[in-house]
Amino acid sequence: MNEAPESKSHAAVRQAWEHGLTMIIVLPYEDPYSSTDKPGILEIDQVTYEDINRFESALRSFRPAG
C-alpha cells in the first residue's frame, strides 16, 4: 500500500498548515491545477498530488485567500 503524500512531506505540510491550510482537495484533472481561492483550502490535480516534488511545491506556495 502506498503512503499518502502528506506522510512523506511533513515539513511542507506543516508550513502550509501554519499559513492557514485546513484541507487539501484532490480533483480528477489531468492538466496541472492548483488553486487557493477558498480560505484554508488547497485544490490540486491528481497528478500533482501523486508527484512528491509537485505536491511539496504546491504546499510551499500555499497562502490564504484574500
PDB file of N, CA and C in Angstrom:
ATOM      1  N   MET A   1       0.832  -1.186   0.000  1.00  0.00           N
ATOM      2  CA  MET A   1       0.000   0.000   0.000  1.00  0.00           C
ATOM      3  C   MET A   1       0.877   1.250   0.000  1.00  0.00           C
ATOM      4  N   ASN A   2       0.567   2.201  -0.864  1.00  0.00           N
ATOM      5  CA  ASN A   2       1.341   3.432  -0.961  1.00  0.00           C
ATOM      6  C   ASN A   2       0.978   4.393   0.171  1.00  0.00           C
ATOM      7  N   GLU A   3       1.987   5.102   0.640  1.00  0.00           N
ATOM      8  CA  GLU A   3       1.756   6.109   1.658  1.00  0.00           C
ATOM      9  C   GLU A   3       1.164   7.357   1.006  1.00  0.00           C
ATOM     10  N   ALA A   4       0.313   8.043   1.728  1.00  0.00           N
ATOM     11  CA  ALA A   4      -0.222   9.315   1.250  1.00  0.00           C
ATOM     12  C   ALA A   4       0.918  10.330   1.171  1.00  0.00           C
ATOM     13  N   PRO A   5       0.900  11.205   0.187  1.00  0.00           N
ATOM     14  CA  PRO A   5       1.966  12.203   0.055  1.00  0.00           C
ATOM     15  C   PRO A   5       2.147  13.062   1.313  1.00  0.00           C
ATOM     16  N   GLU A   6       1.069  13.307   2.037  1.00  0.00           N
ATOM     17  CA  GLU A   6       1.176  14.098   3.264  1.00  0.00           C
ATOM     18  C   GLU A   6       2.124  13.466   4.267  1.00  0.00           C
ATOM     19  N   SER A   7       2.158  12.142   4.301  1.00  0.00           N
ATOM     20  CA  SER A   7       3.025  11.456   5.266  1.00  0.00           C
ATOM     21  C   SER A   7       4.495  11.520   4.868  1.00  0.00           C
ATOM     22  N   LYS A   8       4.769  11.887   3.616  1.00  0.00           N
ATOM     23  CA  LYS A   8       6.152  11.999   3.146  1.00  0.00           C
ATOM     24  C   LYS A   8       6.627  13.446   3.119  1.00  0.00           C
ATOM     25  N   SER A   9       5.734  14.377   3.378  1.00  0.00           N
ATOM     26  CA  SER A   9       6.037  15.803   3.209  1.00  0.00           C
ATOM     27  C   SER A   9       5.745  16.589   4.479  1.00  0.00           C
ATOM     28  N   HIS A  10       6.210  16.100   5.595  1.00  0.00           N
ATOM     29  CA  HIS A  10       5.883  16.706   6.881  1.00  0.00           C
ATOM     30  C   HIS A  10       6.213  18.201   6.945  1.00  0.00           C
ATOM     31  N   ALA A  11       7.409  18.586   6.519  1.00  0.00           N
ATOM     32  CA  ALA A  11       7.823  19.991   6.628  1.00  0.00           C
ATOM     33  C   ALA A  11       6.942  20.897   5.769  1.00  0.00           C
ATOM     34  N   ALA A  12       6.657  20.486   4.550  1.00  0.00           N
ATOM     35  CA  ALA A  12       5.833  21.310   3.660  1.00  0.00           C
ATOM     36  C   ALA A  12       4.398  21.383   4.155  1.00  0.00           C
ATOM     37  N   VAL A  13       3.870  20.279   4.671  1.00  0.00           N
ATOM     38  CA  VAL A  13       2.507  20.270   5.216  1.00  0.00           C
ATOM     39  C   VAL A  13       2.440  21.193   6.436  1.00  0.00           C
ATOM     40  N   ARG A  14       3.424  21.094   7.289  1.00  0.00           N
ATOM     41  CA  ARG A  14       3.445  21.938   8.489  1.00  0.00           C
ATOM     42  C   ARG A  14       3.493  23.415   8.120  1.00  0.00           C
ATOM     43  N   GLN A  15       4.336  23.772   7.164  1.00  0.00           N
ATOM     44  CA  GLN A  15       4.444  25.163   6.728  1.00  0.00           C
ATOM     45  C   GLN A  15       3.100  25.664   6.195  1.00  0.00           C
ATOM     46  N   ALA A  16       2.445  24.873   5.350  1.00  0.00           N
ATOM     47  CA  ALA A  16       1.145  25.265   4.801  1.00  0.00           C
ATOM     48  C   ALA A  16       0.112  25.376   5.919  1.00  0.00           C
ATOM     49  N   TRP A  17       0.140  24.456   6.860  1.00  0.00           N
ATOM     50  CA  TRP A  17      -0.780  24.485   7.996  1.00  0.00           C
ATOM     51  C   TRP A  17      -0.571  25.763   8.810  1.00  0.00           C
ATOM     52  N   GLU A  18       0.692  26.145   9.003  1.00  0.00           N
ATOM     53  CA  GLU A  18       0.994  27.375   9.740  1.00  0.00           C
ATOM     54  C   GLU A  18       0.496  28.611   8.989  1.00  0.00           C
ATOM     55  N   HIS A  19       0.329  28.497   7.670  1.00  0.00           N
ATOM     56  CA  HIS A  19      -0.211  29.593   6.858  1.00  0.00           C
ATOM     57  C   HIS A  19      -1.728  29.504   6.722  1.00  0.00           C
ATOM     58  N   GLY A  20      -2.354  28.570   7.430  1.00  0.00           N
ATOM     59  CA  GLY A  20      -3.811  28.507   7.446  1.00  0.00           C
ATOM     60  C   GLY A  20      -4.453  27.359   6.693  1.00  0.00           C
ATOM     61  N   LEU A  21      -3.657  26.450   6.137  1.00  0.00           N
ATOM     62  CA  LEU A  21      -4.227  25.308   5.414  1.00  0.00           C
ATOM     63  C   LEU A  21      -5.025  24.421   6.358  1.00  0.00           C
ATOM     64  N   THR A  22      -6.261  24.110   5.968  1.00  0.00           N
ATOM     65  CA  THR A  22      -7.081  23.207   6.763  1.00  0.00           C
ATOM     66  C   THR A  22      -7.536  21.995   5.968  1.00  0.00           C
ATOM     67  N   MET A  23      -7.472  22.089   4.630  1.00  0.00           N
ATOM     68  CA  MET A  23      -7.971  20.993   3.801  1.00  0.00           C
ATOM     69  C   MET A  23      -7.269  20.980   2.443  1.00  0.00           C
ATOM     70  N   ILE A  24      -7.007  19.780   1.948  1.00  0.00           N
ATOM     71  CA  ILE A  24      -6.491  19.577   0.591  1.00  0.00           C
ATOM     72  C   ILE A  24      -7.563  18.830  -0.179  1.00  0.00           C
ATOM     73  N   ILE A  25      -7.965  19.393  -1.306  1.00  0.00           N
ATOM     74  CA  ILE A  25      -8.949  18.749  -2.173  1.00  0.00           C
ATOM     75  C   ILE A  25      -8.235  18.324  -3.448  1.00  0.00           C
ATOM     76  N   VAL A  26      -8.279  17.032  -3.745  1.00  0.00           N
ATOM     77  CA  VAL A  26      -7.641  16.493  -4.944  1.00  0.00           C
ATOM     78  C   VAL A  26      -8.724  16.310  -6.008  1.00  0.00           C
ATOM     79  N   LEU A  27      -8.540  17.000  -7.120  1.00  0.00           N
ATOM     80  CA  LEU A  27      -9.510  16.975  -8.210  1.00  0.00           C
ATOM     81  C   LEU A  27      -9.033  16.040  -9.325  1.00  0.00           C
ATOM     82  N   PRO A  28      -9.950  15.407 -10.029  1.00  0.00           N
ATOM     83  CA  PRO A  28      -9.573  14.416 -11.044  1.00  0.00           C
ATOM     84  C   PRO A  28      -9.164  15.026 -12.387  1.00  0.00           C
ATOM     85  N   TYR A  29      -8.365  16.096 -12.346  1.00  0.00           N
ATOM     86  CA  TYR A  29      -7.908  16.747 -13.574  1.00  0.00           C
ATOM     87  C   TYR A  29      -6.607  16.110 -14.036  1.00  0.00           C
ATOM     88  N   GLU A  30      -6.427  16.061 -15.352  1.00  0.00           N
ATOM     89  CA  GLU A  30      -5.171  15.547 -15.906  1.00  0.00           C
ATOM     90  C   GLU A  30      -4.153  16.657 -16.120  1.00  0.00           C
ATOM     91  N   ASP A  31      -4.623  17.865 -16.333  1.00  0.00           N
ATOM     92  CA  ASP A  31      -3.726  19.002 -16.528  1.00  0.00           C
ATOM     93  C   ASP A  31      -3.375  19.607 -15.171  1.00  0.00           C
ATOM     94  N   PRO A  32      -2.193  20.199 -15.070  1.00  0.00           N
ATOM     95  CA  PRO A  32      -1.793  20.797 -13.791  1.00  0.00           C
ATOM     96  C   PRO A  32      -2.816  21.835 -13.321  1.00  0.00           C
ATOM     97  N   TYR A  33      -3.162  21.758 -12.056  1.00  0.00           N
ATOM     98  CA  TYR A  33      -4.131  22.680 -11.489  1.00  0.00           C
ATOM     99  C   TYR A  33      -3.846  22.862 -10.013  1.00  0.00           C
ATOM    100  N   SER A  34      -3.850  24.118  -9.584  1.00  0.00           N
ATOM    101  CA  SER A  34      -3.685  24.432  -8.179  1.00  0.00           C
ATOM    102  C   SER A  34      -4.432  25.728  -7.914  1.00  0.00           C
ATOM    103  N   SER A  35      -5.215  25.748  -6.842  1.00  0.00           N
ATOM    104  CA  SER A  35      -5.981  26.935  -6.506  1.00  0.00           C
ATOM    105  C   SER A  35      -6.059  27.095  -5.003  1.00  0.00           C
ATOM    106  N   THR A  36      -5.995  28.352  -4.565  1.00  0.00           N
ATOM    107  CA  THR A  36      -6.176  28.678  -3.155  1.00  0.00           C
ATOM    108  C   THR A  36      -7.262  29.743  -3.019  1.00  0.00           C
ATOM    109  N   ASP A  37      -8.262  29.689  -3.886  1.00  0.00           N
ATOM    110  CA  ASP A  37      -9.330  30.693  -3.891  1.00  0.00           C
ATOM    111  C   ASP A  37     -10.236  30.615  -2.675  1.00  0.00           C
ATOM    112  N   LYS A  38     -10.282  29.480  -2.032  1.00  0.00           N
ATOM    113  CA  LYS A  38     -11.146  29.296  -0.866  1.00  0.00           C
ATOM    114  C   LYS A  38     -10.286  29.320   0.399  1.00  0.00           C
ATOM    115  N   PRO A  39     -10.695  30.082   1.413  1.00  0.00           N
ATOM    116  CA  PRO A  39      -9.883  30.191   2.634  1.00  0.00           C
ATOM    117  C   PRO A  39      -9.547  28.824   3.246  1.00  0.00           C
ATOM    118  N   GLY A  40      -8.264  28.596   3.472  1.00  0.00           N
ATOM    119  CA  GLY A  40      -7.815  27.377   4.140  1.00  0.00           C
ATOM    120  C   GLY A  40      -7.773  26.138   3.275  1.00  0.00           C
ATOM    121  N   ILE A  41      -8.150  26.263   1.999  1.00  0.00           N
ATOM    122  CA  ILE A  41      -8.262  25.084   1.139  1.00  0.00           C
ATOM    123  C   ILE A  41      -7.279  25.170  -0.032  1.00  0.00           C
ATOM    124  N   LEU A  42      -6.557  24.085  -0.242  1.00  0.00           N
ATOM    125  CA  LEU A  42      -5.693  23.937  -1.411  1.00  0.00           C
ATOM    126  C   LEU A  42      -6.330  22.907  -2.331  1.00  0.00           C
ATOM    127  N   GLU A  43      -6.658  23.326  -3.544  1.00  0.00           N
ATOM    128  CA  GLU A  43      -7.196  22.411  -4.553  1.00  0.00           C
ATOM    129  C   GLU A  43      -6.076  22.104  -5.538  1.00  0.00           C
ATOM    130  N   ILE A  44      -5.833  20.821  -5.766  1.00  0.00           N
ATOM    131  CA  ILE A  44      -4.791  20.412  -6.709  1.00  0.00           C
ATOM    132  C   ILE A  44      -5.289  19.251  -7.562  1.00  0.00           C
ATOM    133  N   ASP A  45      -4.607  19.043  -8.687  1.00  0.00           N
ATOM    134  CA  ASP A  45      -4.945  17.925  -9.568  1.00  0.00           C
ATOM    135  C   ASP A  45      -4.326  16.629  -9.037  1.00  0.00           C
ATOM    136  N   GLN A  46      -4.829  15.516  -9.510  1.00  0.00           N
ATOM    137  CA  GLN A  46      -4.385  14.194  -9.063  1.00  0.00           C
ATOM    138  C   GLN A  46      -2.903  13.958  -9.346  1.00  0.00           C
ATOM    139  N   VAL A  47      -2.430  14.403 -10.511  1.00  0.00           N
ATOM    140  CA  VAL A  47      -1.023  14.199 -10.881  1.00  0.00           C
ATOM    141  C   VAL A  47      -0.103  14.929  -9.909  1.00  0.00           C
ATOM    142  N   THR A  48      -0.457  16.164  -9.556  1.00  0.00           N
ATOM    143  CA  THR A  48       0.343  16.923  -8.593  1.00  0.00           C
ATOM    144  C   THR A  48       0.351  16.228  -7.243  1.00  0.00           C
ATOM    145  N   TYR A  49      -0.795  15.733  -6.826  1.00  0.00           N
ATOM    146  CA  TYR A  49      -0.899  15.045  -5.538  1.00  0.00           C
ATOM    147  C   TYR A  49       0.001  13.808  -5.481  1.00  0.00           C
ATOM    148  N   GLU A  50       0.104  13.106  -6.585  1.00  0.00           N
ATOM    149  CA  GLU A  50       0.882  11.860  -6.612  1.00  0.00           C
ATOM    150  C   GLU A  50       2.372  12.072  -6.844  1.00  0.00           C
ATOM    151  N   ASP A  51       2.773  13.259  -7.283  1.00  0.00           N
ATOM    152  CA  ASP A  51       4.185  13.562  -7.541  1.00  0.00           C
ATOM    153  C   ASP A  51       4.717  14.355  -6.344  1.00  0.00           C
ATOM    154  N   ILE A  52       5.599  13.767  -5.564  1.00  0.00           N
ATOM    155  CA  ILE A  52       6.049  14.362  -4.312  1.00  0.00           C
ATOM    156  C   ILE A  52       6.649  15.747  -4.511  1.00  0.00           C
ATOM    157  N   ASN A  53       7.416  15.955  -5.569  1.00  0.00           N
ATOM    158  CA  ASN A  53       8.026  17.264  -5.806  1.00  0.00           C
ATOM    159  C   ASN A  53       6.979  18.318  -6.138  1.00  0.00           C
ATOM    160  N   ARG A  54       6.035  17.980  -6.995  1.00  0.00           N
ATOM    161  CA  ARG A  54       4.967  18.917  -7.349  1.00  0.00           C
ATOM    162  C   ARG A  54       4.056  19.172  -6.153  1.00  0.00           C
ATOM    163  N   PHE A  55       3.772  18.135  -5.382  1.00  0.00           N
ATOM    164  CA  PHE A  55       2.923  18.270  -4.205  1.00  0.00           C
ATOM    165  C   PHE A  55       3.560  19.220  -3.189  1.00  0.00           C
ATOM    166  N   GLU A  56       4.836  19.016  -2.906  1.00  0.00           N
ATOM    167  CA  GLU A  56       5.523  19.887  -1.955  1.00  0.00           C
ATOM    168  C   GLU A  56       5.602  21.317  -2.468  1.00  0.00           C
ATOM    169  N   SER A  57       5.796  21.496  -3.761  1.00  0.00           N
ATOM    170  CA  SER A  57       5.810  22.834  -4.345  1.00  0.00           C
ATOM    171  C   SER A  57       4.469  23.529  -4.165  1.00  0.00           C
ATOM    172  N   ALA A  58       3.380  22.801  -4.394  1.00  0.00           N
ATOM    173  CA  ALA A  58       2.041  23.369  -4.199  1.00  0.00           C
ATOM    174  C   ALA A  58       1.828  23.747  -2.736  1.00  0.00           C
ATOM    175  N   LEU A  59       2.277  22.898  -1.828  1.00  0.00           N
ATOM    176  CA  LEU A  59       2.150  23.204  -0.407  1.00  0.00           C
ATOM    177  C   LEU A  59       2.965  24.426  -0.021  1.00  0.00           C
ATOM    178  N   ARG A  60       4.200  24.519  -0.525  1.00  0.00           N
ATOM    179  CA  ARG A  60       5.052  25.662  -0.194  1.00  0.00           C
ATOM    180  C   ARG A  60       4.494  26.974  -0.734  1.00  0.00           C
ATOM    181  N   SER A  61       3.748  26.897  -1.819  1.00  0.00           N
ATOM    182  CA  SER A  61       3.189  28.122  -2.403  1.00  0.00           C
ATOM    183  C   SER A  61       1.840  28.499  -1.787  1.00  0.00           C
ATOM    184  N   PHE A  62       1.319  27.671  -0.877  1.00  0.00           N
ATOM    185  CA  PHE A  62       0.021  27.957  -0.276  1.00  0.00           C
ATOM    186  C   PHE A  62       0.080  29.222   0.566  1.00  0.00           C
ATOM    187  N   ARG A  63      -0.862  30.098   0.295  1.00  0.00           N
ATOM    188  CA  ARG A  63      -1.090  31.287   1.103  1.00  0.00           C
ATOM    189  C   ARG A  63      -2.599  31.453   1.216  1.00  0.00           C
ATOM    190  N   PRO A  64      -3.074  31.959   2.339  1.00  0.00           N
ATOM    191  CA  PRO A  64      -4.513  32.122   2.498  1.00  0.00           C
ATOM    192  C   PRO A  64      -5.109  33.016   1.417  1.00  0.00           C
ATOM    193  N   ALA A  65      -6.327  32.701   0.990  1.00  0.00           N
ATOM    194  CA  ALA A  65      -7.029  33.543   0.028  1.00  0.00           C
ATOM    195  C   ALA A  65      -7.389  34.865   0.695  1.00  0.00           C
ATOM    196  N   GLY A  66      -7.460  35.882  -0.120  1.00  0.00           N
ATOM    197  CA  GLY A  66      -7.909  37.158   0.414  1.00  0.00           C
ATOM    198  C   GLY A  66      -6.896  38.179   0.528  1.00  0.00           C
TER     199      GLY A  66
END
